[in-house]
Amino acid sequence: NHVHTNAELSNEEYKTTDYIYEFLKTEGFEPVKFKNI
């Protein structure tokens, strides 16, 4: 529901990336953002 209502275009998925990152951190994972994309 969150991603569906906050869709982002190709190479502009900044908020989507942040959302997934923060969700995984909250669940105890150790995500790593890509360096150049």
All heavy atoms as atom14 arrays in JSON, in Angstrom:
{
  "sequence": "NHVHTNAELSNEEYKTTDYIYEFLKTEGFEPVKFKNI",
  "atom14_mask": [
    [1, 1, 1, 1, 1, 1, 1, 1, 0, 0, 0, 0, 0, 0],
    [1, 1, 1, 1, 1, 1, 1, 1, 1, 1, 0, 0, 0, 0],
    [1, 1, 1, 1, 1, 1, 1, 0, 0, 0, 0, 0, 0, 0],
    [1, 1, 1, 1, 1, 1, 1, 1, 1, 1, 0, 0, 0, 0],
    [1, 1, 1, 1, 1, 1, 1, 0, 0, 0, 0, 0, 0, 0],
    [1, 1, 1, 1, 1, 1, 1, 1, 0, 0, 0, 0, 0, 0],
    [1, 1, 1, 1, 1, 0, 0, 0, 0, 0, 0, 0, 0, 0],
    [1, 1, 1, 1, 1, 1, 1, 1, 1, 0, 0, 0, 0, 0],
    [1, 1, 1, 1, 1, 1, 1, 1, 0, 0, 0, 0, 0, 0],
    [1, 1, 1, 1, 1, 1, 0, 0, 0, 0, 0, 0, 0, 0],
    [1, 1, 1, 1, 1, 1, 1, 1, 0, 0, 0, 0, 0, 0],
    [1, 1, 1, 1, 1, 1, 1, 1, 1, 0, 0, 0, 0, 0],
    [1, 1, 1, 1, 1, 1, 1, 1, 1, 0, 0, 0, 0, 0],
    [1, 1, 1, 1, 1, 1, 1, 1, 1, 1, 1, 1, 0, 0],
    [1, 1, 1, 1, 1, 1, 1, 1, 1, 0, 0, 0, 0, 0],
    [1, 1, 1, 1, 1, 1, 1, 0, 0, 0, 0, 0, 0, 0],
    [1, 1, 1, 1, 1, 1, 1, 0, 0, 0, 0, 0, 0, 0],
    [1, 1, 1, 1, 1, 1, 1, 1, 0, 0, 0, 0, 0, 0],
    [1, 1, 1, 1, 1, 1, 1, 1, 1, 1, 1, 1, 0, 0],
    [1, 1, 1, 1, 1, 1, 1, 1, 0, 0, 0, 0, 0, 0],
    [1, 1, 1, 1, 1, 1, 1, 1, 1, 1, 1, 1, 0, 0],
    [1, 1, 1, 1, 1, 1, 1, 1, 1, 0, 0, 0, 0, 0],
    [1, 1, 1, 1, 1, 1, 1, 1, 1, 1, 1, 0, 0, 0],
    [1, 1, 1, 1, 1, 1, 1, 1, 0, 0, 0, 0, 0, 0],
    [1, 1, 1, 1, 1, 1, 1, 1, 1, 0, 0, 0, 0, 0],
    [1, 1, 1, 1, 1, 1, 1, 0, 0, 0, 0, 0, 0, 0],
    [1, 1, 1, 1, 1, 1, 1, 1, 1, 0, 0, 0, 0, 0],
    [1, 1, 1, 1, 0, 0, 0, 0, 0, 0, 0, 0, 0, 0],
    [1, 1, 1, 1, 1, 1, 1, 1, 1, 1, 1, 0, 0, 0],
    [1, 1, 1, 1, 1, 1, 1, 1, 1, 0, 0, 0, 0, 0],
    [1, 1, 1, 1, 1, 1, 1, 0, 0, 0, 0, 0, 0, 0],
    [1, 1, 1, 1, 1, 1, 1, 0, 0, 0, 0, 0, 0, 0],
    [1, 1, 1, 1, 1, 1, 1, 1, 1, 0, 0, 0, 0, 0],
    [1, 1, 1, 1, 1, 1, 1, 1, 1, 1, 1, 0, 0, 0],
    [1, 1, 1, 1, 1, 1, 1, 1, 1, 0, 0, 0, 0, 0],
    [1, 1, 1, 1, 1, 1, 1, 1, 0, 0, 0, 0, 0, 0],
    [1, 1, 1, 1, 1, 1, 1, 1, 0, 0, 0, 0, 0, 0]
  ],
  "atom14_positions": [
    [[0.82, -1.21, 0.0], [0.0, 0.0, 0.0], [0.85, 1.26, 0.0], [0.53, 2.24, -0.68], [-0.94, 0.0, 1.21], [-2.04, -1.04, 1.09], [-2.43, -1.41, -0.02], [-2.54, -1.52, 2.22], [0.0, 0.0, 0.0], [0.0, 0.0, 0.0], [0.0, 0.0, 0.0], [0.0, 0.0, 0.0], [0.0, 0.0, 0.0], [0.0, 0.0, 0.0]],
    [[1.94, 1.25, 0.77], [2.8, 2.43, 0.81], [3.46, 2.68, -0.55], [3.42, 3.8, -1.06], [3.88, 2.28, 1.88], [4.82, 3.45, 1.92], [4.59, 4.57, 2.69], [5.98, 3.71, 1.24], [5.56, 5.44, 2.5], [6.42, 4.94, 1.62], [0.0, 0.0, 0.0], [0.0, 0.0, 0.0], [0.0, 0.0, 0.0], [0.0, 0.0, 0.0]],
    [[4.08, 1.64, -1.1], [4.78, 1.81, -2.38], [3.8, 2.14, -3.49], [4.07, 2.98, -4.36], [5.6, 0.56, -2.71], [6.27, 0.71, -4.07], [6.64, 0.29, -1.64], [0.0, 0.0, 0.0], [0.0, 0.0, 0.0], [0.0, 0.0, 0.0], [0.0, 0.0, 0.0], [0.0, 0.0, 0.0], [0.0, 0.0, 0.0], [0.0, 0.0, 0.0]],
    [[2.63, 1.5, -3.46], [1.63, 1.73, -4.51], [1.17, 3.18, -4.54], [0.97, 3.76, -5.62], [0.43, 0.82, -4.28], [-0.62, 0.92, -5.34], [-0.49, 0.33, -6.57], [-1.81, 1.58, -5.35], [-1.56, 0.61, -7.3], [-2.38, 1.36, -6.58], [0.0, 0.0, 0.0], [0.0, 0.0, 0.0], [0.0, 0.0, 0.0], [0.0, 0.0, 0.0]],
    [[1.0, 3.78, -3.38], [0.5, 5.16, -3.31], [1.62, 6.19, -3.37], [1.35, 7.39, -3.35], [-0.32, 5.37, -2.03], [0.47, 5.02, -0.88], [-1.57, 4.52, -2.05], [0.0, 0.0, 0.0], [0.0, 0.0, 0.0], [0.0, 0.0, 0.0], [0.0, 0.0, 0.0], [0.0, 0.0, 0.0], [0.0, 0.0, 0.0], [0.0, 0.0, 0.0]],
    [[2.86, 5.73, -3.45], [4.01, 6.65, -3.53], [4.92, 6.24, -4.68], [6.15, 6.14, -4.52], [4.78, 6.69, -2.22], [3.97, 7.29, -1.08], [3.93, 8.5, -0.91], [3.31, 6.42, -0.31], [0.0, 0.0, 0.0], [0.0, 0.0, 0.0], [0.0, 0.0, 0.0], [0.0, 0.0, 0.0], [0.0, 0.0, 0.0], [0.0, 0.0, 0.0]],
    [[4.33, 5.99, -5.82], [5.07, 5.5, -6.98], [6.09, 6.53, -7.47], [5.85, 7.74, -7.41], [4.1, 5.17, -8.11], [0.0, 0.0, 0.0], [0.0, 0.0, 0.0], [0.0, 0.0, 0.0], [0.0, 0.0, 0.0], [0.0, 0.0, 0.0], [0.0, 0.0, 0.0], [0.0, 0.0, 0.0], [0.0, 0.0, 0.0], [0.0, 0.0, 0.0]],
    [[7.23, 6.02, -7.96], [8.28, 6.9, -8.48], [8.8, 6.35, -9.8], [8.85, 5.14, -10.02], [9.43, 7.02, -7.48], [9.04, 7.74, -6.19], [10.21, 7.82, -5.22], [10.65, 6.76, -4.75], [10.67, 8.94, -4.95], [0.0, 0.0, 0.0], [0.0, 0.0, 0.0], [0.0, 0.0, 0.0], [0.0, 0.0, 0.0], [0.0, 0.0, 0.0]],
    [[9.23, 7.26, -10.68], [9.69, 6.88, -12.01], [11.1, 6.29, -11.96], [11.81, 6.4, -10.96], [9.66, 8.09, -12.93], [8.3, 8.75, -13.12], [8.42, 9.97, -14.03], [7.28, 7.77, -13.67], [0.0, 0.0, 0.0], [0.0, 0.0, 0.0], [0.0, 0.0, 0.0], [0.0, 0.0, 0.0], [0.0, 0.0, 0.0], [0.0, 0.0, 0.0]],
    [[11.5, 5.7, -13.08], [12.81, 5.07, -13.2], [13.93, 6.06, -12.89], [13.92, 7.21, -13.35], [13.0, 4.54, -14.62], [11.99, 3.62, -14.95], [0.0, 0.0, 0.0], [0.0, 0.0, 0.0], [0.0, 0.0, 0.0], [0.0, 0.0, 0.0], [0.0, 0.0, 0.0], [0.0, 0.0, 0.0], [0.0, 0.0, 0.0], [0.0, 0.0, 0.0]],
    [[14.88, 5.6, -12.09], [16.04, 6.38, -11.66], [15.68, 7.55, -10.75], [16.55, 8.38, -10.42], [16.85, 6.9, -12.86], [17.46, 5.77, -13.66], [18.08, 4.87, -13.1], [17.29, 5.82, -14.97], [0.0, 0.0, 0.0], [0.0, 0.0, 0.0], [0.0, 0.0, 0.0], [0.0, 0.0, 0.0], [0.0, 0.0, 0.0], [0.0, 0.0, 0.0]],
    [[14.42, 7.6, -10.33], [13.98, 8.64, -9.4], [13.39, 8.02, -8.14], [12.67, 8.68, -7.39], [12.94, 9.55, -10.07], [13.46, 10.29, -11.29], [12.39, 11.11, -11.98], [11.3, 11.32, -11.38], [12.63, 11.55, -13.12], [0.0, 0.0, 0.0], [0.0, 0.0, 0.0], [0.0, 0.0, 0.0], [0.0, 0.0, 0.0], [0.0, 0.0, 0.0]],
    [[13.73, 6.78, -7.85], [13.1, 6.03, -6.76], [13.77, 6.33, -5.42], [14.13, 5.44, -4.66], [13.16, 4.52, -7.04], [12.7, 4.1, -8.42], [13.86, 3.97, -9.39], [14.87, 4.68, -9.2], [13.79, 3.15, -10.31], [0.0, 0.0, 0.0], [0.0, 0.0, 0.0], [0.0, 0.0, 0.0], [0.0, 0.0, 0.0], [0.0, 0.0, 0.0]],
    [[13.94, 7.6, -5.11], [14.65, 8.01, -3.89], [13.84, 7.68, -2.64], [14.36, 7.08, -1.69], [14.96, 9.5, -3.94], [15.81, 9.91, -5.12], [15.26, 10.59, -6.21], [17.16, 9.57, -5.18], [16.03, 10.95, -7.3], [17.95, 9.93, -6.27], [17.37, 10.61, -7.33], [18.13, 10.96, -8.41], [0.0, 0.0, 0.0], [0.0, 0.0, 0.0]],
    [[12.58, 8.06, -2.63], [11.75, 7.81, -1.46], [11.45, 6.32, -1.31], [11.37, 5.8, -0.18], [10.45, 8.62, -1.55], [10.67, 10.13, -1.45], [9.34, 10.87, -1.54], [9.56, 12.38, -1.44], [8.28, 13.14, -1.55], [0.0, 0.0, 0.0], [0.0, 0.0, 0.0], [0.0, 0.0, 0.0], [0.0, 0.0, 0.0], [0.0, 0.0, 0.0]],
    [[11.29, 5.63, -2.44], [11.07, 4.19, -2.38], [12.29, 3.49, -1.78], [12.16, 2.6, -0.92], [10.8, 3.63, -3.79], [9.67, 4.31, -4.36], [10.52, 2.13, -3.75], [0.0, 0.0, 0.0], [0.0, 0.0, 0.0], [0.0, 0.0, 0.0], [0.0, 0.0, 0.0], [0.0, 0.0, 0.0], [0.0, 0.0, 0.0], [0.0, 0.0, 0.0]],
    [[13.47, 3.9, -2.23], [14.71, 3.34, -1.67], [14.78, 3.59, -0.17], [15.09, 2.68, 0.62], [15.93, 3.95, -2.37], [15.89, 3.64, -3.77], [17.23, 3.41, -1.77], [0.0, 0.0, 0.0], [0.0, 0.0, 0.0], [0.0, 0.0, 0.0], [0.0, 0.0, 0.0], [0.0, 0.0, 0.0], [0.0, 0.0, 0.0], [0.0, 0.0, 0.0]],
    [[14.5, 4.82, 0.23], [14.57, 5.17, 1.66], [13.55, 4.37, 2.47], [13.84, 3.91, 3.58], [14.32, 6.66, 1.86], [15.49, 7.52, 1.38], [16.6, 6.97, 1.22], [15.28, 8.73, 1.16], [0.0, 0.0, 0.0], [0.0, 0.0, 0.0], [0.0, 0.0, 0.0], [0.0, 0.0, 0.0], [0.0, 0.0, 0.0], [0.0, 0.0, 0.0]],
    [[12.36, 4.19, 1.91], [11.32, 3.46, 2.63], [11.74, 2.0, 2.86], [11.62, 1.47, 3.97], [10.0, 3.51, 1.86], [8.93, 2.64, 2.47], [8.22, 3.05, 3.6], [8.64, 1.38, 1.94], [7.25, 2.24, 4.18], [7.67, 0.57, 2.5], [6.98, 1.0, 3.62], [6.03, 0.19, 4.2], [0.0, 0.0, 0.0], [0.0, 0.0, 0.0]],
    [[12.2, 1.35, 1.8], [12.63, -0.04, 1.92], [13.79, -0.15, 2.92], [13.81, -1.04, 3.79], [13.05, -0.61, 0.55], [11.86, -0.61, -0.41], [13.62, -2.02, 0.7], [12.24, -0.93, -1.85], [0.0, 0.0, 0.0], [0.0, 0.0, 0.0], [0.0, 0.0, 0.0], [0.0, 0.0, 0.0], [0.0, 0.0, 0.0], [0.0, 0.0, 0.0]],
    [[14.74, 0.77, 2.79], [15.91, 0.78, 3.68], [15.49, 0.88, 5.15], [15.93, 0.09, 5.99], [16.82, 1.94, 3.29], [18.08, 2.06, 4.12], [19.24, 1.37, 3.77], [18.12, 2.87, 5.26], [20.41, 1.48, 4.53], [19.27, 2.98, 6.02], [20.4, 2.29, 5.65], [21.55, 2.39, 6.4], [0.0, 0.0, 0.0], [0.0, 0.0, 0.0]],
    [[14.63, 1.84, 5.44], [14.21, 2.05, 6.83], [13.36, 0.9, 7.34], [13.49, 0.49, 8.51], [13.45, 3.38, 6.95], [14.3, 4.61, 6.69], [15.47, 4.74, 7.65], [15.37, 4.25, 8.8], [16.5, 5.33, 7.26], [0.0, 0.0, 0.0], [0.0, 0.0, 0.0], [0.0, 0.0, 0.0], [0.0, 0.0, 0.0], [0.0, 0.0, 0.0]],
    [[12.51, 0.34, 6.49], [11.69, -0.8, 6.91], [12.57, -1.98, 7.28], [12.36, -2.63, 8.32], [10.72, -1.18, 5.79], [9.78, -2.3, 6.17], [8.54, -2.03, 6.72], [10.15, -3.63, 6.0], [7.68, -3.06, 7.09], [9.3, -4.66, 6.38], [8.06, -4.37, 6.93], [0.0, 0.0, 0.0], [0.0, 0.0, 0.0], [0.0, 0.0, 0.0]],
    [[13.55, -2.27, 6.43], [14.43, -3.41, 6.69], [15.27, -3.19, 7.95], [15.49, -4.13, 8.73], [15.33, -3.67, 5.48], [14.61, -4.12, 4.2], [15.61, -4.33, 3.08], [13.8, -5.4, 4.44], [0.0, 0.0, 0.0], [0.0, 0.0, 0.0], [0.0, 0.0, 0.0], [0.0, 0.0, 0.0], [0.0, 0.0, 0.0], [0.0, 0.0, 0.0]],
    [[15.71, -1.96, 8.15], [16.48, -1.66, 9.37], [15.62, -1.93, 10.61], [16.09, -2.51, 11.59], [16.95, -0.21, 9.35], [18.01, 0.12, 8.32], [19.4, -0.31, 8.76], [19.96, 0.63, 9.8], [21.37, 0.3, 10.14], [0.0, 0.0, 0.0], [0.0, 0.0, 0.0], [0.0, 0.0, 0.0], [0.0, 0.0, 0.0], [0.0, 0.0, 0.0]],
    [[14.37, -1.5, 10.53], [13.45, -1.7, 11.65], [13.24, -3.19, 11.94], [13.05, -3.58, 13.1], [12.09, -1.03, 11.35], [12.29, 0.37, 11.14], [11.12, -1.22, 12.5], [0.0, 0.0, 0.0], [0.0, 0.0, 0.0], [0.0, 0.0, 0.0], [0.0, 0.0, 0.0], [0.0, 0.0, 0.0], [0.0, 0.0, 0.0], [0.0, 0.0, 0.0]],
    [[13.3, -4.02, 10.89], [13.08, -5.46, 11.05], [14.37, -6.2, 11.41], [14.37, -7.43, 11.48], [12.51, -6.04, 9.75], [11.1, -5.55, 9.44], [10.06, -6.06, 10.44], [10.28, -7.16, 11.0], [9.05, -5.37, 10.65], [0.0, 0.0, 0.0], [0.0, 0.0, 0.0], [0.0, 0.0, 0.0], [0.0, 0.0, 0.0], [0.0, 0.0, 0.0]],
    [[15.45, -5.46, 11.62], [16.68, -6.1, 12.06], [17.65, -6.5, 10.97], [18.66, -7.17, 11.24], [0.0, 0.0, 0.0], [0.0, 0.0, 0.0], [0.0, 0.0, 0.0], [0.0, 0.0, 0.0], [0.0, 0.0, 0.0], [0.0, 0.0, 0.0], [0.0, 0.0, 0.0], [0.0, 0.0, 0.0], [0.0, 0.0, 0.0], [0.0, 0.0, 0.0]],
    [[17.39, -6.1, 9.74], [18.31, -6.39, 8.63], [19.36, -5.28, 8.53], [19.26, -4.24, 9.18], [17.53, -6.49, 7.32], [16.59, -7.66, 7.25], [15.24, -7.51, 7.52], [17.06, -8.93, 6.91], [14.36, -8.57, 7.46], [16.18, -10.01, 6.84], [14.84, -9.83, 7.12], [0.0, 0.0, 0.0], [0.0, 0.0, 0.0], [0.0, 0.0, 0.0]],
    [[20.37, -5.52, 7.69], [21.42, -4.53, 7.46], [21.51, -4.2, 5.97], [22.43, -4.62, 5.28], [22.76, -5.05, 7.99], [22.76, -5.3, 9.49], [24.1, -5.8, 10.01], [25.05, -5.92, 9.19], [24.21, -6.06, 11.22], [0.0, 0.0, 0.0], [0.0, 0.0, 0.0], [0.0, 0.0, 0.0], [0.0, 0.0, 0.0], [0.0, 0.0, 0.0]],
    [[20.55, -3.44, 5.45], [20.55, -3.11, 4.02], [21.67, -2.15, 3.66], [22.18, -1.41, 4.51], [19.18, -2.46, 3.82], [18.86, -1.87, 5.16], [19.43, -2.83, 6.17], [0.0, 0.0, 0.0], [0.0, 0.0, 0.0], [0.0, 0.0, 0.0], [0.0, 0.0, 0.0], [0.0, 0.0, 0.0], [0.0, 0.0, 0.0], [0.0, 0.0, 0.0]],
    [[22.04, -2.16, 2.38], [23.1, -1.29, 1.87], [22.59, -0.59, 0.61], [22.18, -1.26, -0.34], [24.37, -2.09, 1.53], [25.46, -1.16, 0.98], [24.88, -2.84, 2.75], [0.0, 0.0, 0.0], [0.0, 0.0, 0.0], [0.0, 0.0, 0.0], [0.0, 0.0, 0.0], [0.0, 0.0, 0.0], [0.0, 0.0, 0.0], [0.0, 0.0, 0.0]],
    [[22.6, 0.72, 0.59], [22.17, 1.45, -0.6], [23.28, 1.38, -1.67], [24.46, 1.38, -1.35], [21.88, 2.92, -0.26], [20.67, 3.11, 0.64], [20.42, 4.59, 0.9], [19.21, 4.78, 1.81], [18.93, 6.21, 2.09], [0.0, 0.0, 0.0], [0.0, 0.0, 0.0], [0.0, 0.0, 0.0], [0.0, 0.0, 0.0], [0.0, 0.0, 0.0]],
    [[22.86, 1.33, -2.92], [23.83, 1.35, -4.01], [24.58, 2.67, -4.01], [24.05, 3.71, -3.59], [23.14, 1.13, -5.35], [22.59, -0.26, -5.53], [21.27, -0.45, -5.92], [23.38, -1.36, -5.3], [20.75, -1.73, -6.08], [22.88, -2.65, -5.46], [21.56, -2.84, -5.85], [0.0, 0.0, 0.0], [0.0, 0.0, 0.0], [0.0, 0.0, 0.0]],
    [[25.8, 2.65, -4.51], [26.66, 3.83, -4.45], [26.31, 4.88, -5.51], [26.31, 6.08, -5.23], [28.12, 3.42, -4.63], [28.66, 2.53, -3.51], [30.09, 2.11, -3.79], [30.63, 1.21, -2.69], [32.02, 0.75, -2.99], [0.0, 0.0, 0.0], [0.0, 0.0, 0.0], [0.0, 0.0, 0.0], [0.0, 0.0, 0.0], [0.0, 0.0, 0.0]],
    [[26.0, 4.43, -6.71], [25.86, 5.35, -7.84], [24.46, 5.43, -8.42], [24.22, 6.22, -9.34], [26.84, 4.93, -8.95], [28.27, 4.9, -8.47], [28.79, 5.91, -8.0], [28.91, 3.74, -8.57], [0.0, 0.0, 0.0], [0.0, 0.0, 0.0], [0.0, 0.0, 0.0], [0.0, 0.0, 0.0], [0.0, 0.0, 0.0], [0.0, 0.0, 0.0]],
    [[23.54, 4.65, -7.9], [22.18, 4.61, -8.43], [21.2, 4.49, -7.26], [21.6, 4.25, -6.12], [21.97, 3.42, -9.39], [22.33, 2.1, -8.69], [22.78, 3.59, -10.66], [22.05, 0.84, -9.51], [0.0, 0.0, 0.0], [0.0, 0.0, 0.0], [0.0, 0.0, 0.0], [0.0, 0.0, 0.0], [0.0, 0.0, 0.0], [0.0, 0.0, 0.0]]
  ]
}
